[in-house]
Amino acid sequence: MKGAYVLNKLLEYSKLNGKSFSEKIGLIRPQAIYDIQNGKTQNISVSMANKIISAFPEVNKSWLFTGDGEMLIRPEDKITEKRGIPFYDINVTASIAESFNDIPEVSQYLISYPPLNDCCAAFPVYGESMEPDFFAGEVVLVKEITNVDSMLWGEPYLVITNANCDNLRTIKNVYLSEDRCKFILRATNPRFSGDTIIDRNDVLKIFLIKGKINRRQL
């Protein structure tokens, strides 16, 4: 009943009933609100959360999904948000694995690390295929690459692909094929031999790993 709890708190805060609240956030019909209230829908969807934030920007988006912490963003949090690197506690594997598309990717907190504050995100590492460069439990700080021609071949990158390549989200050393049409993903750990070859068109995003820190440093 997490969704019902969150929604009831929002109705109490906004002093609106279910129908008025649905109109406020731009829903065509209030049925989605009723379904959450009666428990038919257990959680608030990403789409609905975005509508709620548009109508109530002071609401903490993480709280909408978990019900934990503060419902409202504190003023000091808004200031910090501009200074830190968002940490996403989702699986970035150093082995090949599918991404978790059904999990809302909401940052848990912000990391302030001045030497790398130009990074756009931080993720925990899972798996062993990139040892000794990256160990499970470490946190990588990444910056999105927008120009593939500027990539440094052979360096480690976080690669995210579409469904044609099984929705991969993986850290690997990246090389370019001779025909320049494919990426070659290669592990550092010799126990994980064999390359993974993916079409460049199947890559949704690619991030340069600019640094790493241990979780105990957070």
N, C-alpha and C. Protein backbone atom coordinates (compact mmCIF):
# COMPACT_ATOMS: atom_id res chain seq x y z
N MET A 1 0.82 -1.21 0.00
CA MET A 1 0.00 0.00 0.00
C MET A 1 0.85 1.26 0.00
N LYS A 2 2.08 1.15 -0.46
CA LYS A 2 2.98 2.30 -0.47
C LYS A 2 2.40 3.45 -1.27
N GLY A 3 1.86 3.14 -2.45
CA GLY A 3 1.30 4.17 -3.30
C GLY A 3 0.13 4.88 -2.64
N ALA A 4 -0.74 4.12 -1.97
CA ALA A 4 -1.89 4.70 -1.30
C ALA A 4 -1.45 5.65 -0.18
N TYR A 5 -0.43 5.24 0.55
CA TYR A 5 0.10 6.08 1.64
C TYR A 5 0.61 7.40 1.08
N VAL A 6 1.44 7.32 0.02
CA VAL A 6 2.01 8.52 -0.59
C VAL A 6 0.90 9.42 -1.14
N LEU A 7 -0.06 8.83 -1.84
CA LEU A 7 -1.12 9.62 -2.44
C LEU A 7 -1.97 10.32 -1.39
N ASN A 8 -2.30 9.60 -0.32
CA ASN A 8 -3.10 10.20 0.75
C ASN A 8 -2.38 11.37 1.41
N LYS A 9 -1.06 11.24 1.56
CA LYS A 9 -0.27 12.35 2.10
C LYS A 9 -0.32 13.55 1.16
N LEU A 10 -0.27 13.28 -0.15
CA LEU A 10 -0.32 14.36 -1.13
C LEU A 10 -1.68 15.05 -1.12
N LEU A 11 -2.74 14.27 -1.01
CA LEU A 11 -4.08 14.85 -0.95
C LEU A 11 -4.25 15.69 0.30
N GLU A 12 -3.71 15.20 1.40
CA GLU A 12 -3.76 15.96 2.65
C GLU A 12 -2.98 17.27 2.52
N TYR A 13 -1.79 17.19 1.91
CA TYR A 13 -0.95 18.37 1.74
C TYR A 13 -1.59 19.39 0.79
N SER A 14 -2.17 18.90 -0.31
CA SER A 14 -2.73 19.80 -1.31
C SER A 14 -4.14 20.26 -0.98
N LYS A 15 -4.76 19.59 0.03
CA LYS A 15 -6.14 19.90 0.42
C LYS A 15 -7.11 19.72 -0.75
N LEU A 16 -6.86 18.66 -1.53
CA LEU A 16 -7.70 18.34 -2.68
C LEU A 16 -8.24 16.93 -2.53
N ASN A 17 -9.39 16.63 -3.17
CA ASN A 17 -9.86 15.25 -3.23
C ASN A 17 -9.26 14.58 -4.46
N GLY A 18 -9.54 13.30 -4.62
CA GLY A 18 -8.92 12.55 -5.71
C GLY A 18 -9.21 13.14 -7.08
N LYS A 19 -10.46 13.54 -7.32
CA LYS A 19 -10.83 14.09 -8.63
C LYS A 19 -10.13 15.42 -8.88
N SER A 20 -10.15 16.29 -7.88
CA SER A 20 -9.51 17.61 -8.05
C SER A 20 -8.01 17.48 -8.21
N PHE A 21 -7.43 16.52 -7.49
CA PHE A 21 -5.98 16.30 -7.59
C PHE A 21 -5.62 15.82 -8.99
N SER A 22 -6.42 14.90 -9.54
CA SER A 22 -6.14 14.38 -10.89
C SER A 22 -6.20 15.51 -11.92
N GLU A 23 -7.14 16.44 -11.74
CA GLU A 23 -7.23 17.58 -12.65
C GLU A 23 -6.03 18.49 -12.49
N LYS A 24 -5.60 18.66 -11.25
CA LYS A 24 -4.46 19.54 -10.96
C LYS A 24 -3.19 19.06 -11.65
N ILE A 25 -2.97 17.73 -11.68
CA ILE A 25 -1.74 17.20 -12.26
C ILE A 25 -1.88 16.89 -13.75
N GLY A 26 -3.08 17.13 -14.30
CA GLY A 26 -3.26 17.01 -15.74
C GLY A 26 -3.74 15.66 -16.24
N LEU A 27 -4.35 14.84 -15.37
CA LEU A 27 -4.90 13.57 -15.83
C LEU A 27 -6.26 13.81 -16.49
N ILE A 28 -6.54 13.06 -17.53
CA ILE A 28 -7.81 13.21 -18.23
C ILE A 28 -8.95 12.67 -17.38
N ARG A 29 -8.70 11.53 -16.73
CA ARG A 29 -9.70 10.90 -15.86
C ARG A 29 -9.07 10.61 -14.50
N PRO A 30 -9.86 10.59 -13.43
CA PRO A 30 -9.32 10.35 -12.09
C PRO A 30 -9.14 8.87 -11.74
N GLN A 31 -9.45 7.95 -12.67
CA GLN A 31 -9.44 6.54 -12.33
C GLN A 31 -8.08 6.07 -11.82
N ALA A 32 -7.00 6.59 -12.40
CA ALA A 32 -5.67 6.17 -11.95
C ALA A 32 -5.45 6.53 -10.50
N ILE A 33 -6.01 7.66 -10.06
CA ILE A 33 -5.91 8.07 -8.65
C ILE A 33 -6.71 7.12 -7.77
N TYR A 34 -7.94 6.79 -8.21
CA TYR A 34 -8.79 5.88 -7.45
C TYR A 34 -8.15 4.50 -7.32
N ASP A 35 -7.51 4.05 -8.39
CA ASP A 35 -6.88 2.72 -8.37
C ASP A 35 -5.75 2.67 -7.33
N ILE A 36 -5.03 3.77 -7.17
CA ILE A 36 -3.98 3.81 -6.14
C ILE A 36 -4.60 3.85 -4.75
N GLN A 37 -5.66 4.62 -4.59
CA GLN A 37 -6.31 4.75 -3.29
C GLN A 37 -6.88 3.42 -2.79
N ASN A 38 -7.46 2.64 -3.71
CA ASN A 38 -8.09 1.39 -3.27
C ASN A 38 -7.13 0.19 -3.31
N GLY A 39 -5.86 0.44 -3.68
CA GLY A 39 -4.86 -0.63 -3.65
C GLY A 39 -4.75 -1.45 -4.90
N LYS A 40 -5.57 -1.15 -5.90
CA LYS A 40 -5.48 -1.89 -7.17
C LYS A 40 -4.13 -1.65 -7.83
N THR A 41 -3.64 -0.41 -7.76
CA THR A 41 -2.29 -0.05 -8.21
C THR A 41 -1.43 0.21 -6.99
N GLN A 42 -0.33 -0.51 -6.88
CA GLN A 42 0.46 -0.48 -5.65
C GLN A 42 1.41 0.71 -5.56
N ASN A 43 1.90 1.17 -6.70
CA ASN A 43 2.93 2.20 -6.69
C ASN A 43 2.60 3.31 -7.69
N ILE A 44 3.16 4.47 -7.43
CA ILE A 44 3.02 5.59 -8.36
C ILE A 44 3.98 5.38 -9.52
N SER A 45 3.48 5.52 -10.73
CA SER A 45 4.30 5.29 -11.92
C SER A 45 5.23 6.47 -12.16
N VAL A 46 6.24 6.24 -12.99
CA VAL A 46 7.17 7.31 -13.34
C VAL A 46 6.43 8.44 -14.05
N SER A 47 5.50 8.07 -14.94
CA SER A 47 4.73 9.08 -15.67
C SER A 47 3.90 9.95 -14.73
N MET A 48 3.23 9.32 -13.77
CA MET A 48 2.43 10.09 -12.83
C MET A 48 3.32 10.94 -11.93
N ALA A 49 4.46 10.40 -11.53
CA ALA A 49 5.39 11.16 -10.69
C ALA A 49 5.84 12.43 -11.39
N ASN A 50 6.11 12.32 -12.68
CA ASN A 50 6.53 13.51 -13.44
C ASN A 50 5.42 14.56 -13.49
N LYS A 51 4.16 14.10 -13.60
CA LYS A 51 3.03 15.03 -13.60
C LYS A 51 2.89 15.71 -12.24
N ILE A 52 3.09 14.93 -11.18
CA ILE A 52 2.98 15.49 -9.83
C ILE A 52 4.06 16.53 -9.60
N ILE A 53 5.29 16.23 -10.03
CA ILE A 53 6.39 17.18 -9.84
C ILE A 53 6.17 18.45 -10.65
N SER A 54 5.56 18.31 -11.82
CA SER A 54 5.26 19.50 -12.62
C SER A 54 4.28 20.41 -11.91
N ALA A 55 3.30 19.80 -11.22
CA ALA A 55 2.29 20.59 -10.51
C ALA A 55 2.75 21.03 -9.13
N PHE A 56 3.61 20.19 -8.50
CA PHE A 56 4.10 20.47 -7.16
C PHE A 56 5.63 20.29 -7.14
N PRO A 57 6.37 21.26 -7.67
CA PRO A 57 7.83 21.11 -7.77
C PRO A 57 8.54 21.02 -6.44
N GLU A 58 7.85 21.36 -5.37
CA GLU A 58 8.47 21.29 -4.04
C GLU A 58 8.46 19.88 -3.46
N VAL A 59 7.77 18.94 -4.14
CA VAL A 59 7.68 17.57 -3.66
C VAL A 59 8.95 16.79 -4.03
N ASN A 60 9.42 15.99 -3.10
CA ASN A 60 10.62 15.16 -3.28
C ASN A 60 10.27 13.96 -4.18
N LYS A 61 10.88 13.89 -5.36
CA LYS A 61 10.53 12.83 -6.31
C LYS A 61 10.88 11.45 -5.76
N SER A 62 11.98 11.31 -5.06
CA SER A 62 12.34 10.02 -4.47
C SER A 62 11.27 9.54 -3.51
N TRP A 63 10.73 10.46 -2.75
CA TRP A 63 9.69 10.12 -1.78
C TRP A 63 8.44 9.56 -2.47
N LEU A 64 8.12 10.06 -3.65
CA LEU A 64 6.96 9.57 -4.38
C LEU A 64 7.04 8.07 -4.64
N PHE A 65 8.26 7.57 -4.87
CA PHE A 65 8.42 6.15 -5.18
C PHE A 65 8.59 5.27 -3.94
N THR A 66 9.15 5.84 -2.88
CA THR A 66 9.48 5.01 -1.72
C THR A 66 8.63 5.29 -0.48
N GLY A 67 8.17 6.55 -0.36
CA GLY A 67 7.46 6.94 0.85
C GLY A 67 8.39 7.19 2.01
N ASP A 68 9.69 7.07 1.78
CA ASP A 68 10.68 7.27 2.84
C ASP A 68 11.24 8.68 2.79
N GLY A 69 11.65 9.18 3.94
CA GLY A 69 12.27 10.50 3.99
C GLY A 69 11.23 11.61 4.02
N GLU A 70 11.64 12.78 3.58
CA GLU A 70 10.78 13.96 3.62
C GLU A 70 9.96 14.09 2.34
N MET A 71 8.70 14.49 2.50
CA MET A 71 7.84 14.67 1.34
C MET A 71 8.27 15.91 0.54
N LEU A 72 8.71 16.94 1.22
CA LEU A 72 9.06 18.19 0.56
C LEU A 72 10.57 18.37 0.52
N ILE A 73 11.05 18.99 -0.57
CA ILE A 73 12.47 19.29 -0.71
C ILE A 73 12.80 20.49 0.15
N ARG A 74 13.82 20.37 0.96
CA ARG A 74 14.26 21.50 1.77
C ARG A 74 15.03 22.49 0.91
N PRO A 75 14.99 23.77 1.25
CA PRO A 75 15.71 24.78 0.45
C PRO A 75 17.20 24.46 0.33
N GLU A 76 17.81 23.94 1.40
CA GLU A 76 19.24 23.64 1.33
C GLU A 76 19.53 22.49 0.39
N ASP A 77 18.53 21.59 0.20
CA ASP A 77 18.72 20.49 -0.75
C ASP A 77 18.76 21.01 -2.18
N LYS A 78 17.96 22.04 -2.48
CA LYS A 78 17.95 22.62 -3.81
C LYS A 78 19.29 23.26 -4.13
N ILE A 79 19.90 23.86 -3.12
CA ILE A 79 21.21 24.47 -3.33
C ILE A 79 22.26 23.40 -3.57
N THR A 80 22.23 22.34 -2.76
CA THR A 80 23.20 21.26 -2.89
C THR A 80 23.07 20.55 -4.23
N GLU A 81 21.83 20.48 -4.72
CA GLU A 81 21.58 19.73 -5.95
C GLU A 81 22.40 20.29 -7.11
N LYS A 82 22.70 21.57 -7.08
CA LYS A 82 23.44 22.18 -8.17
C LYS A 82 24.93 21.94 -8.05
N ARG A 83 25.36 21.39 -6.91
CA ARG A 83 26.78 21.27 -6.65
C ARG A 83 27.29 19.84 -6.70
N GLY A 84 26.42 18.87 -6.56
CA GLY A 84 26.87 17.49 -6.42
C GLY A 84 26.60 16.64 -7.64
N ILE A 85 27.10 15.42 -7.57
CA ILE A 85 26.91 14.43 -8.63
C ILE A 85 25.84 13.46 -8.16
N PRO A 86 24.73 13.28 -8.88
CA PRO A 86 23.68 12.37 -8.43
C PRO A 86 24.15 10.92 -8.44
N PHE A 87 23.91 10.23 -7.32
CA PHE A 87 24.27 8.82 -7.20
C PHE A 87 23.02 7.98 -7.41
N TYR A 88 23.09 7.07 -8.39
CA TYR A 88 21.97 6.18 -8.71
C TYR A 88 22.32 4.77 -8.25
N ASP A 89 21.56 4.27 -7.31
CA ASP A 89 21.85 2.94 -6.76
C ASP A 89 21.19 1.88 -7.62
N ILE A 90 21.65 1.77 -8.88
CA ILE A 90 21.16 0.76 -9.81
C ILE A 90 22.34 -0.03 -10.34
N ASN A 91 22.04 -1.19 -10.86
CA ASN A 91 23.10 -2.12 -11.25
C ASN A 91 23.87 -1.63 -12.48
N VAL A 92 25.11 -1.23 -12.25
CA VAL A 92 26.04 -1.03 -13.37
C VAL A 92 27.03 -2.17 -13.26
N THR A 93 26.90 -3.12 -14.14
CA THR A 93 27.63 -4.36 -13.97
C THR A 93 28.95 -4.35 -14.73
N ALA A 94 29.95 -4.92 -14.10
CA ALA A 94 31.22 -5.14 -14.78
C ALA A 94 31.19 -6.48 -15.47
N SER A 95 30.02 -7.09 -15.50
CA SER A 95 29.76 -8.25 -16.34
C SER A 95 28.58 -7.86 -17.23
N ILE A 96 28.27 -8.66 -18.22
CA ILE A 96 27.16 -8.34 -19.10
C ILE A 96 25.85 -8.74 -18.41
N ALA A 97 24.91 -7.81 -18.34
CA ALA A 97 23.61 -8.10 -17.74
C ALA A 97 22.59 -7.14 -18.29
N GLU A 98 21.31 -7.50 -18.17
CA GLU A 98 20.26 -6.63 -18.65
C GLU A 98 20.07 -5.47 -17.68
N SER A 99 19.66 -4.34 -18.23
CA SER A 99 19.34 -3.20 -17.38
C SER A 99 17.97 -3.42 -16.77
N PHE A 100 17.69 -2.67 -15.74
CA PHE A 100 16.42 -2.80 -15.05
C PHE A 100 15.50 -1.66 -15.49
N ASN A 101 14.81 -1.86 -16.60
CA ASN A 101 14.02 -0.79 -17.18
C ASN A 101 12.80 -0.44 -16.34
N ASP A 102 12.36 -1.34 -15.45
CA ASP A 102 11.15 -1.08 -14.70
C ASP A 102 11.43 -0.35 -13.40
N ILE A 103 12.68 -0.07 -13.08
CA ILE A 103 13.02 0.63 -11.85
C ILE A 103 13.19 2.11 -12.14
N PRO A 104 12.43 2.98 -11.47
CA PRO A 104 12.60 4.41 -11.71
C PRO A 104 13.98 4.86 -11.28
N GLU A 105 14.68 5.50 -12.19
CA GLU A 105 16.06 5.86 -11.90
C GLU A 105 16.12 7.22 -11.21
N VAL A 106 15.87 7.21 -9.91
CA VAL A 106 15.88 8.41 -9.10
C VAL A 106 17.14 8.39 -8.25
N SER A 107 17.88 9.48 -8.24
CA SER A 107 19.13 9.51 -7.49
C SER A 107 18.84 9.42 -6.00
N GLN A 108 19.68 8.65 -5.29
CA GLN A 108 19.51 8.48 -3.85
C GLN A 108 20.07 9.67 -3.08
N TYR A 109 21.18 10.21 -3.54
CA TYR A 109 21.78 11.37 -2.89
C TYR A 109 22.81 11.97 -3.84
N LEU A 110 23.48 13.01 -3.38
CA LEU A 110 24.45 13.72 -4.20
C LEU A 110 25.84 13.56 -3.61
N ILE A 111 26.81 13.38 -4.49
CA ILE A 111 28.21 13.24 -4.09
C ILE A 111 28.94 14.53 -4.45
N SER A 112 29.61 15.10 -3.47
CA SER A 112 30.42 16.28 -3.75
C SER A 112 31.88 15.86 -3.80
N TYR A 113 32.45 15.89 -4.98
CA TYR A 113 33.85 15.52 -5.19
C TYR A 113 34.43 16.52 -6.19
N PRO A 114 34.93 17.66 -5.69
CA PRO A 114 35.31 18.79 -6.55
C PRO A 114 36.15 18.43 -7.77
N PRO A 115 37.13 17.50 -7.68
CA PRO A 115 37.92 17.22 -8.90
C PRO A 115 37.10 16.68 -10.06
N LEU A 116 35.94 16.08 -9.75
CA LEU A 116 35.14 15.45 -10.82
C LEU A 116 33.69 15.93 -10.81
N ASN A 117 33.45 17.13 -10.33
CA ASN A 117 32.07 17.62 -10.25
C ASN A 117 31.47 17.96 -11.61
N ASP A 118 32.27 17.81 -12.69
CA ASP A 118 31.69 17.98 -14.02
C ASP A 118 31.03 16.68 -14.51
N CYS A 119 31.12 15.61 -13.71
CA CYS A 119 30.47 14.34 -14.07
C CYS A 119 28.96 14.48 -13.92
N CYS A 120 28.22 13.69 -14.68
CA CYS A 120 26.76 13.81 -14.66
C CYS A 120 26.08 12.76 -13.79
N ALA A 121 26.81 11.71 -13.38
CA ALA A 121 26.18 10.67 -12.58
C ALA A 121 27.23 9.79 -11.93
N ALA A 122 26.79 9.07 -10.89
CA ALA A 122 27.65 8.10 -10.20
C ALA A 122 26.86 6.82 -10.02
N PHE A 123 27.53 5.67 -10.22
CA PHE A 123 26.88 4.37 -10.13
C PHE A 123 27.75 3.39 -9.36
N PRO A 124 27.13 2.43 -8.65
CA PRO A 124 27.91 1.37 -8.02
C PRO A 124 28.31 0.32 -9.05
N VAL A 125 29.43 -0.33 -8.82
CA VAL A 125 29.93 -1.37 -9.73
C VAL A 125 29.55 -2.74 -9.19
N TYR A 126 29.12 -3.62 -10.07
CA TYR A 126 28.85 -5.01 -9.75
C TYR A 126 29.67 -5.90 -10.69
N GLY A 127 30.00 -7.09 -10.25
CA GLY A 127 30.69 -8.02 -11.13
C GLY A 127 32.20 -7.92 -11.02
N GLU A 128 32.89 -8.87 -11.69
CA GLU A 128 34.34 -9.01 -11.54
C GLU A 128 35.11 -8.88 -12.84
N SER A 129 34.44 -8.69 -13.97
CA SER A 129 35.14 -8.79 -15.25
C SER A 129 36.10 -7.64 -15.51
N MET A 130 35.98 -6.54 -14.75
CA MET A 130 36.88 -5.40 -14.96
C MET A 130 37.95 -5.29 -13.89
N GLU A 131 38.08 -6.30 -13.04
CA GLU A 131 39.17 -6.31 -12.07
C GLU A 131 40.50 -6.49 -12.80
N PRO A 132 41.58 -5.83 -12.36
CA PRO A 132 41.71 -5.03 -11.15
C PRO A 132 41.41 -3.55 -11.33
N ASP A 133 40.89 -3.14 -12.49
CA ASP A 133 40.60 -1.71 -12.69
C ASP A 133 39.41 -1.25 -11.86
N PHE A 134 38.38 -2.09 -11.79
CA PHE A 134 37.18 -1.75 -11.04
C PHE A 134 36.72 -2.98 -10.26
N PHE A 135 36.48 -2.79 -8.98
CA PHE A 135 36.02 -3.88 -8.12
C PHE A 135 34.57 -3.66 -7.73
N ALA A 136 33.86 -4.76 -7.51
CA ALA A 136 32.48 -4.69 -7.06
C ALA A 136 32.41 -3.88 -5.76
N GLY A 137 31.45 -2.97 -5.69
CA GLY A 137 31.30 -2.13 -4.50
C GLY A 137 31.88 -0.74 -4.67
N GLU A 138 32.77 -0.58 -5.65
CA GLU A 138 33.28 0.76 -5.92
C GLU A 138 32.22 1.60 -6.64
N VAL A 139 32.41 2.90 -6.64
CA VAL A 139 31.48 3.81 -7.28
C VAL A 139 32.21 4.52 -8.42
N VAL A 140 31.65 4.46 -9.62
CA VAL A 140 32.27 5.13 -10.78
C VAL A 140 31.55 6.44 -11.04
N LEU A 141 32.33 7.45 -11.43
CA LEU A 141 31.80 8.76 -11.77
C LEU A 141 31.93 8.92 -13.28
N VAL A 142 30.85 9.26 -13.95
CA VAL A 142 30.83 9.21 -15.41
C VAL A 142 30.37 10.54 -16.02
N LYS A 143 30.79 10.74 -17.28
CA LYS A 143 30.37 11.90 -18.05
C LYS A 143 29.93 11.42 -19.43
N GLU A 144 28.77 11.86 -19.87
CA GLU A 144 28.22 11.38 -21.14
C GLU A 144 29.05 11.86 -22.32
N ILE A 145 29.25 10.96 -23.27
CA ILE A 145 29.95 11.27 -24.51
C ILE A 145 28.92 11.61 -25.58
N THR A 146 29.03 12.77 -26.18
CA THR A 146 28.10 13.17 -27.24
C THR A 146 28.73 13.08 -28.62
N ASN A 147 30.04 13.03 -28.68
CA ASN A 147 30.75 12.92 -29.96
C ASN A 147 31.62 11.67 -29.93
N VAL A 148 31.16 10.64 -30.63
CA VAL A 148 31.87 9.36 -30.61
C VAL A 148 33.30 9.51 -31.15
N ASP A 149 33.51 10.42 -32.08
CA ASP A 149 34.84 10.59 -32.66
C ASP A 149 35.86 11.09 -31.65
N SER A 150 35.38 11.60 -30.51
CA SER A 150 36.30 12.09 -29.48
C SER A 150 36.67 11.01 -28.47
N MET A 151 36.13 9.79 -28.66
CA MET A 151 36.39 8.72 -27.70
C MET A 151 37.84 8.26 -27.75
N LEU A 152 38.34 7.83 -26.60
CA LEU A 152 39.69 7.29 -26.49
C LEU A 152 39.56 5.77 -26.49
N TRP A 153 39.90 5.14 -27.61
CA TRP A 153 39.68 3.70 -27.78
C TRP A 153 40.58 2.91 -26.84
N GLY A 154 39.98 1.91 -26.21
CA GLY A 154 40.70 1.09 -25.25
C GLY A 154 40.49 1.53 -23.82
N GLU A 155 39.82 2.69 -23.63
CA GLU A 155 39.52 3.19 -22.29
C GLU A 155 38.19 2.59 -21.81
N PRO A 156 37.99 2.56 -20.48
CA PRO A 156 36.72 2.02 -19.96
C PRO A 156 35.57 3.01 -20.10
N TYR A 157 34.43 2.50 -20.53
CA TYR A 157 33.23 3.30 -20.69
C TYR A 157 32.04 2.54 -20.11
N LEU A 158 31.03 3.29 -19.71
CA LEU A 158 29.74 2.70 -19.38
C LEU A 158 28.90 2.75 -20.64
N VAL A 159 28.45 1.58 -21.11
CA VAL A 159 27.70 1.48 -22.37
C VAL A 159 26.28 1.02 -22.08
N ILE A 160 25.31 1.73 -22.63
CA ILE A 160 23.90 1.37 -22.48
C ILE A 160 23.31 1.16 -23.86
N THR A 161 22.71 -0.01 -24.09
CA THR A 161 22.20 -0.34 -25.42
C THR A 161 20.68 -0.50 -25.41
N ASN A 162 20.13 -0.63 -26.61
CA ASN A 162 18.68 -0.86 -26.74
C ASN A 162 18.37 -2.35 -26.68
N ALA A 163 17.11 -2.68 -26.95
CA ALA A 163 16.67 -4.07 -26.85
C ALA A 163 17.32 -4.98 -27.87
N ASN A 164 17.79 -4.43 -28.98
CA ASN A 164 18.48 -5.26 -29.99
C ASN A 164 19.72 -5.92 -29.41
N CYS A 165 20.30 -5.28 -28.40
CA CYS A 165 21.48 -5.84 -27.72
C CYS A 165 21.16 -6.16 -26.27
N ASP A 166 19.91 -6.55 -26.03
CA ASP A 166 19.47 -7.04 -24.72
C ASP A 166 19.51 -5.99 -23.61
N ASN A 167 19.36 -4.71 -23.97
CA ASN A 167 19.31 -3.65 -22.96
C ASN A 167 20.51 -3.70 -22.01
N LEU A 168 21.68 -3.79 -22.58
CA LEU A 168 22.89 -3.89 -21.75
C LEU A 168 23.16 -2.59 -21.01
N ARG A 169 23.66 -2.72 -19.81
CA ARG A 169 24.23 -1.61 -19.05
C ARG A 169 25.51 -2.17 -18.43
N THR A 170 26.63 -1.87 -19.06
CA THR A 170 27.85 -2.55 -18.67
C THR A 170 29.08 -1.66 -18.78
N ILE A 171 30.06 -1.92 -17.94
CA ILE A 171 31.35 -1.24 -18.00
C ILE A 171 32.33 -2.16 -18.72
N LYS A 172 32.93 -1.66 -19.79
CA LYS A 172 33.92 -2.43 -20.53
C LYS A 172 34.92 -1.48 -21.19
N ASN A 173 36.09 -2.01 -21.52
CA ASN A 173 37.01 -1.29 -22.38
C ASN A 173 36.44 -1.31 -23.80
N VAL A 174 36.36 -0.15 -24.44
CA VAL A 174 35.68 -0.05 -25.73
C VAL A 174 36.68 0.20 -26.85
N TYR A 175 36.54 -0.58 -27.90
CA TYR A 175 37.35 -0.44 -29.12
C TYR A 175 36.42 -0.28 -30.31
N LEU A 176 36.95 0.26 -31.40
CA LEU A 176 36.18 0.45 -32.62
C LEU A 176 36.58 -0.60 -33.65
N SER A 177 35.60 -1.19 -34.31
CA SER A 177 35.89 -2.19 -35.34
C SER A 177 36.55 -1.55 -36.54
N GLU A 178 37.17 -2.35 -37.37
CA GLU A 178 37.88 -1.83 -38.54
C GLU A 178 36.96 -1.08 -39.50
N ASP A 179 35.72 -1.53 -39.62
CA ASP A 179 34.79 -0.84 -40.52
C ASP A 179 34.12 0.37 -39.84
N ARG A 180 34.46 0.62 -38.55
CA ARG A 180 33.98 1.76 -37.78
C ARG A 180 32.46 1.73 -37.57
N CYS A 181 31.85 0.58 -37.75
CA CYS A 181 30.41 0.45 -37.59
C CYS A 181 30.00 -0.24 -36.30
N LYS A 182 30.98 -0.81 -35.60
CA LYS A 182 30.66 -1.57 -34.41
C LYS A 182 31.61 -1.20 -33.27
N PHE A 183 31.10 -1.39 -32.05
CA PHE A 183 31.92 -1.25 -30.86
C PHE A 183 32.32 -2.64 -30.38
N ILE A 184 33.55 -2.77 -29.94
CA ILE A 184 34.04 -4.02 -29.37
C ILE A 184 34.21 -3.81 -27.88
N LEU A 185 33.48 -4.57 -27.07
CA LEU A 185 33.55 -4.45 -25.62
C LEU A 185 34.43 -5.56 -25.08
N ARG A 186 35.43 -5.18 -24.28
CA ARG A 186 36.42 -6.15 -23.83
C ARG A 186 36.66 -6.00 -22.33
N ALA A 187 36.68 -7.13 -21.63
CA ALA A 187 36.94 -7.14 -20.19
C ALA A 187 38.42 -6.99 -19.91
N THR A 188 38.74 -6.51 -18.71
CA THR A 188 40.13 -6.42 -18.26
C THR A 188 40.58 -7.72 -17.62
N ASN A 189 39.72 -8.32 -16.85
CA ASN A 189 40.03 -9.56 -16.14
C ASN A 189 40.21 -10.71 -17.14
N PRO A 190 41.39 -11.34 -17.18
CA PRO A 190 41.64 -12.41 -18.16
C PRO A 190 40.72 -13.62 -17.99
N ARG A 191 40.08 -13.74 -16.83
CA ARG A 191 39.15 -14.85 -16.62
C ARG A 191 37.87 -14.67 -17.44
N PHE A 192 37.66 -13.45 -17.94
CA PHE A 192 36.47 -13.16 -18.74
C PHE A 192 36.90 -12.86 -20.16
N SER A 193 37.41 -13.85 -20.84
CA SER A 193 37.92 -13.66 -22.20
C SER A 193 36.78 -13.67 -23.21
N GLY A 194 37.06 -13.12 -24.38
CA GLY A 194 36.04 -13.07 -25.42
C GLY A 194 35.42 -11.69 -25.51
N ASP A 195 35.33 -11.17 -26.73
CA ASP A 195 34.79 -9.83 -26.93
C ASP A 195 33.29 -9.88 -27.17
N THR A 196 32.63 -8.79 -26.82
CA THR A 196 31.22 -8.58 -27.17
C THR A 196 31.18 -7.50 -28.23
N ILE A 197 30.57 -7.79 -29.36
CA ILE A 197 30.54 -6.85 -30.48
C ILE A 197 29.11 -6.35 -30.67
N ILE A 198 28.93 -5.05 -30.66
CA ILE A 198 27.61 -4.47 -30.80
C ILE A 198 27.62 -3.40 -31.89
N ASP A 199 26.50 -3.25 -32.55
CA ASP A 199 26.37 -2.23 -33.59
C ASP A 199 26.30 -0.85 -32.96
N ARG A 200 26.97 0.12 -33.55
CA ARG A 200 26.96 1.47 -33.01
C ARG A 200 25.55 2.04 -32.91
N ASN A 201 24.69 1.66 -33.84
CA ASN A 201 23.32 2.18 -33.84
C ASN A 201 22.49 1.65 -32.68
N ASP A 202 22.96 0.57 -32.04
CA ASP A 202 22.22 -0.01 -30.92
C ASP A 202 22.64 0.59 -29.58
N VAL A 203 23.58 1.51 -29.60
CA VAL A 203 24.03 2.15 -28.36
C VAL A 203 23.15 3.37 -28.10
N LEU A 204 22.47 3.36 -26.96
CA LEU A 204 21.62 4.49 -26.60
C LEU A 204 22.44 5.63 -26.01
N LYS A 205 23.34 5.28 -25.10
CA LYS A 205 24.20 6.28 -24.47
C LYS A 205 25.54 5.63 -24.12
N ILE A 206 26.56 6.47 -24.08
CA ILE A 206 27.87 5.97 -23.68
C ILE A 206 28.53 7.04 -22.81
N PHE A 207 29.13 6.58 -21.72
CA PHE A 207 29.70 7.49 -20.73
C PHE A 207 31.17 7.16 -20.50
N LEU A 208 31.99 8.19 -20.47
CA LEU A 208 33.39 8.02 -20.10
C LEU A 208 33.47 7.91 -18.58
N ILE A 209 34.21 6.92 -18.11
CA ILE A 209 34.43 6.79 -16.67
C ILE A 209 35.62 7.65 -16.30
N LYS A 210 35.35 8.75 -15.61
CA LYS A 210 36.39 9.72 -15.30
C LYS A 210 37.11 9.42 -13.99
N GLY A 211 36.48 8.61 -13.14
CA GLY A 211 37.14 8.29 -11.88
C GLY A 211 36.30 7.32 -11.07
N LYS A 212 36.83 6.92 -9.94
CA LYS A 212 36.09 6.01 -9.05
C LYS A 212 36.44 6.36 -7.61
N ILE A 213 35.53 6.00 -6.72
CA ILE A 213 35.76 6.17 -5.29
C ILE A 213 35.20 4.94 -4.58
N ASN A 214 35.67 4.72 -3.37
CA ASN A 214 35.16 3.62 -2.56
C ASN A 214 33.94 4.11 -1.79
N ARG A 215 32.97 3.24 -1.59
CA ARG A 215 31.75 3.64 -0.89
C ARG A 215 32.05 4.17 0.51
N ARG A 216 33.12 3.69 1.12
CA ARG A 216 33.46 4.17 2.47
C ARG A 216 33.85 5.64 2.46
N GLN A 217 34.16 6.19 1.28
CA GLN A 217 34.51 7.59 1.18
C GLN A 217 33.28 8.49 1.10
N LEU A 218 32.11 7.90 0.87
CA LEU A 218 30.89 8.70 0.70
C LEU A 218 30.38 9.19 2.04
